[in-house]
Every structure is written in structure tokens, then in C-alpha cells.
Amino acid sequence: MIKIHHLNHSRSTRVIWLMEELNEPYEIVQHMRDPNTFRSPQTLERVHPLGKAPVIEDGPLMLAESGAISNYCTSRRDQPCFLCLSIFSACSPADSPMV
């Protein structure tokens, strides 16, 4: 089961949403920002050197950045889902305005 290190007011909400849409089991490790400084807690700095979220753990694998996590979570499925196909077709280099 994937463990999501979630920090309030961060992009880790995207990973939780994705796991719900994929109907995949997950566990949340909640980290709370300091209300005065808005900095991440030291508990998250033990997971990510810069105290950034999201970070997932899947067995020995630790992965950061919401885009990389999304690619990893969708690519590990046995069968593609509508959501996965939508994500990847939207990211086609031929359709990119940057090309």
C-alpha cells in the first residue's frame, strides 16, 4: 500500500485525489505547517531534505513531486483507466503549446 506524506496547503492533495479516482488503497501521514511561519515541520524534513510535499513511499521506493507521483501511480496499474488515458493524451508533445 502506498503511504502519502501529506502537508496541509500543498500539492499533496492532488495525490490523494488521484488515489481516490484510481480506487487504490493508501495511507496518509499527516504533517501540519507551523501556523505562524507556515514552514513545514521537522517530521517532514526527515522524509524530504527540503521539507517538501508530496512524497510517497511504496515499499523501498520514495518518490517526490506530484507530476512524477501521478505518472508512477497511473503506470503501475494493470489496465489503463479513463483518467489515465485523459492525463496522458493531454500531455502529448504534439499538442503542447511549447513545441
Protein backbone atom coordinates (compact mmCIF):
# COMPACT_ATOMS: atom_id res chain seq x y z
CA MET A 1 0.00 0.00 0.00
CA ILE A 2 1.25 3.47 -0.87
CA LYS A 3 1.94 5.84 2.00
CA ILE A 4 1.32 9.52 1.20
CA HIS A 5 3.12 12.16 3.23
CA HIS A 6 0.54 14.94 3.18
CA LEU A 7 1.26 18.55 4.14
CA ASN A 8 -1.64 20.93 4.58
CA HIS A 9 -1.76 23.66 1.91
CA SER A 10 0.40 21.73 -0.54
CA ARG A 11 0.10 19.80 -3.79
CA SER A 12 -0.18 16.53 -1.89
CA THR A 13 -3.96 16.98 -2.12
CA ARG A 14 -3.60 16.14 -5.82
CA VAL A 15 -2.08 12.75 -4.96
CA ILE A 16 -4.90 11.95 -2.53
CA TRP A 17 -7.45 12.91 -5.19
CA LEU A 18 -5.67 10.72 -7.76
CA MET A 19 -5.60 7.70 -5.45
CA GLU A 20 -9.33 8.14 -4.80
CA GLU A 21 -10.05 8.36 -8.54
CA LEU A 22 -7.95 5.25 -9.20
CA ASN A 23 -9.70 3.48 -6.32
CA GLU A 24 -6.29 2.46 -4.94
CA PRO A 25 -5.65 1.87 -1.24
CA TYR A 26 -3.35 4.33 0.50
CA GLU A 27 -2.31 5.53 3.92
CA ILE A 28 -1.92 9.19 4.85
CA VAL A 29 0.83 10.50 7.10
CA GLN A 30 -0.36 13.97 8.07
CA HIS A 31 2.13 16.83 8.51
CA MET A 32 0.96 20.27 9.62
CA ARG A 33 2.58 23.60 8.76
CA ASP A 34 3.57 25.92 11.59
CA PRO A 35 0.65 28.40 11.84
CA ASN A 36 2.98 31.35 12.46
CA THR A 37 5.80 30.73 9.99
CA PHE A 38 3.91 28.48 7.51
CA ARG A 39 7.03 26.27 7.38
CA SER A 40 6.82 22.50 7.14
CA PRO A 41 7.52 20.54 10.33
CA GLN A 42 10.74 18.70 11.10
CA THR A 43 8.85 15.40 10.75
CA LEU A 44 8.55 16.09 7.00
CA GLU A 45 12.18 17.19 6.76
CA ARG A 46 13.10 13.66 7.87
CA VAL A 47 11.29 12.36 4.77
CA HIS A 48 12.35 15.06 2.26
CA PRO A 49 15.52 17.10 2.82
CA LEU A 50 13.75 20.35 1.90
CA GLY A 51 10.57 19.52 3.81
CA LYS A 52 8.52 19.45 0.60
CA ALA A 53 5.33 17.51 -0.07
CA PRO A 54 4.01 15.39 -1.60
CA VAL A 55 6.21 12.39 -1.01
CA ILE A 56 5.04 8.81 -1.36
CA GLU A 57 6.51 5.58 -0.09
CA ASP A 58 5.82 2.35 -1.94
CA GLY A 59 7.90 -0.32 -0.26
CA PRO A 60 11.53 0.77 -0.57
CA LEU A 61 10.69 3.46 -3.18
CA MET A 62 10.36 7.06 -2.05
CA LEU A 63 9.17 9.50 -4.69
CA ALA A 64 8.59 13.27 -4.57
CA GLU A 65 6.86 15.80 -6.86
CA SER A 66 3.18 15.50 -7.74
CA GLY A 67 3.76 15.01 -11.50
CA ALA A 68 6.23 12.16 -11.02
CA ILE A 69 3.95 10.59 -8.43
CA SER A 70 0.97 10.83 -10.81
CA ASN A 71 2.93 9.14 -13.59
CA TYR A 72 4.11 6.40 -11.23
CA CYS A 73 0.65 5.72 -9.77
CA THR A 74 -1.07 5.55 -13.15
CA SER A 75 1.66 3.47 -14.82
CA ARG A 76 1.61 0.74 -12.15
CA ARG A 77 -1.97 -0.23 -12.98
CA ASP A 78 -2.64 -3.49 -14.87
CA GLN A 79 -5.22 -1.88 -17.12
CA PRO A 80 -5.44 1.73 -18.21
CA CYS A 81 -8.39 3.69 -16.91
CA PHE A 82 -10.25 6.62 -18.44
CA LEU A 83 -8.44 9.02 -16.12
CA CYS A 84 -5.03 7.64 -17.09
CA LEU A 85 -5.78 7.94 -20.79
CA SER A 86 -7.03 11.51 -20.29
CA ILE A 87 -3.88 12.51 -18.42
CA PHE A 88 -1.52 11.05 -20.99
CA SER A 89 -3.41 12.27 -24.05
CA ALA A 90 -3.48 15.77 -22.58
CA CYS A 91 0.30 15.62 -22.19
CA SER A 92 1.02 14.67 -25.80
CA PRO A 93 4.07 16.57 -27.10
CA ALA A 94 2.33 17.11 -30.45
CA ASP A 95 -0.44 19.06 -28.71
CA SER A 96 1.86 21.02 -26.44
CA PRO A 97 1.91 24.79 -26.94
CA MET A 98 5.63 24.65 -26.10
CA VAL A 99 6.52 22.75 -29.31
